[in-house]
């Protein structure tokens, strides 16, 4: 079930994070849950304006691209991300 947000995180910008091991994960970023949930949970599209910080980036064609780097711990994923962002400044890192 959902957990109470710790007091030290209240009022701060949060980014959704998925951490898993030895399993497959399907993330739904759509406007509604695929199946009814046994608890109350809003999707990102249903979040109240005062609950989120919206940052927009210009797009020449109205389409955006999301890149999810995948790698093993200690194998240079952060080094690669730094390298990639230096050469592709039109991407924004969310971590």
Protein backbone atom coordinates (compact mmCIF):
# COMPACT_ATOMS: atom_id res chain seq x y z
CA UNK A 1 0.00 0.00 0.00
CA UNK A 2 1.07 3.63 -0.41
CA UNK A 3 3.41 4.99 2.26
CA UNK A 4 3.27 8.39 3.99
CA UNK A 5 5.78 10.81 2.45
CA UNK A 6 8.54 11.53 5.01
CA UNK A 7 8.44 15.04 6.42
CA UNK A 8 11.90 15.92 5.06
CA UNK A 9 10.64 15.25 1.47
CA UNK A 10 7.38 17.19 1.71
CA UNK A 11 7.34 20.32 -0.43
CA UNK A 12 10.30 19.17 -2.56
CA UNK A 13 10.33 18.23 -6.25
CA UNK A 14 10.27 14.42 -6.56
CA UNK A 15 11.00 12.27 -9.59
CA UNK A 16 9.46 8.82 -10.02
CA UNK A 17 12.01 6.04 -9.64
CA UNK A 18 11.75 2.33 -10.35
CA UNK A 19 14.20 -0.03 -8.72
CA UNK A 20 13.91 -3.75 -9.32
CA UNK A 21 15.93 -6.93 -9.44
CA UNK A 22 15.28 -10.22 -11.25
CA UNK A 23 11.92 -9.15 -12.62
CA UNK A 24 10.24 -7.37 -15.50
CA UNK A 25 8.55 -4.03 -15.01
CA UNK A 26 5.92 -2.34 -17.15
CA UNK A 27 5.61 1.41 -16.51
CA UNK A 28 2.35 3.05 -17.50
CA UNK A 29 2.78 6.77 -18.16
CA UNK A 30 -0.67 7.00 -19.74
CA UNK A 31 -3.69 8.97 -18.55
CA UNK A 32 -5.31 6.10 -16.62
CA UNK A 33 -4.44 2.83 -14.88
CA UNK A 34 -4.78 -0.28 -17.02
CA UNK A 35 -6.75 -2.10 -14.32
CA UNK A 36 -8.52 -0.92 -11.15
CA UNK A 37 -6.10 -0.62 -8.23
CA UNK A 38 -6.88 -1.76 -4.67
CA UNK A 39 -5.83 1.70 -3.40
CA UNK A 40 -6.32 5.30 -4.51
CA UNK A 41 -3.51 6.58 -6.74
CA UNK A 42 -3.45 9.43 -9.24
CA UNK A 43 -1.58 9.22 -12.53
CA UNK A 44 0.85 11.96 -13.51
CA UNK A 45 -1.76 13.48 -15.83
CA UNK A 46 -4.18 13.72 -12.89
CA UNK A 47 -1.70 15.41 -10.55
CA UNK A 48 -2.80 18.75 -9.17
CA UNK A 49 -0.97 21.78 -10.57
CA UNK A 50 0.35 22.64 -7.10
CA UNK A 51 1.75 19.08 -6.75
CA UNK A 52 4.02 19.14 -9.81
CA UNK A 53 6.62 21.36 -11.41
CA UNK A 54 6.19 21.51 -15.18
CA UNK A 55 9.30 22.22 -17.23
CA UNK A 56 9.01 22.42 -20.99
CA UNK A 57 11.76 22.16 -23.56
CA UNK A 58 11.43 23.42 -27.12
CA UNK A 59 10.85 20.88 -29.86
CA UNK A 60 11.17 21.64 -33.55
CA UNK A 61 8.57 19.07 -34.58
CA UNK A 62 6.32 18.80 -31.48
CA UNK A 63 7.69 15.36 -30.61
CA UNK A 64 9.97 14.46 -27.73
CA UNK A 65 12.31 11.56 -27.09
CA UNK A 66 12.98 9.84 -23.77
CA UNK A 67 16.21 7.91 -23.26
CA UNK A 68 16.51 5.35 -20.44
CA UNK A 69 20.14 4.24 -20.06
CA UNK A 70 20.42 0.72 -18.67
CA UNK A 71 23.58 -0.69 -17.16
CA UNK A 72 25.13 -2.57 -14.28
CA UNK A 73 26.32 -0.79 -11.12
CA UNK A 74 29.95 0.29 -11.30
CA UNK A 75 30.15 -0.23 -15.07
CA UNK A 76 30.29 3.42 -16.15
CA UNK A 77 26.63 4.32 -16.72
CA UNK A 78 27.04 7.75 -15.08
CA UNK A 79 30.25 8.40 -17.01
CA UNK A 80 28.42 7.51 -20.21
CA UNK A 81 25.50 9.80 -19.27
CA UNK A 82 27.91 12.70 -18.64
CA UNK A 83 29.61 12.02 -21.98
CA UNK A 84 26.26 11.79 -23.79
CA UNK A 85 24.91 15.02 -22.28
CA UNK A 86 28.06 16.95 -23.25
CA UNK A 87 27.57 15.93 -26.87
CA UNK A 88 23.76 16.26 -26.84
CA UNK A 89 22.87 19.43 -24.92
CA UNK A 90 19.26 19.32 -26.15
CA UNK A 91 18.66 16.42 -23.69
CA UNK A 92 17.85 17.12 -20.02
CA UNK A 93 18.87 14.75 -17.24
CA UNK A 94 16.31 13.79 -14.60
CA UNK A 95 17.85 11.83 -11.76
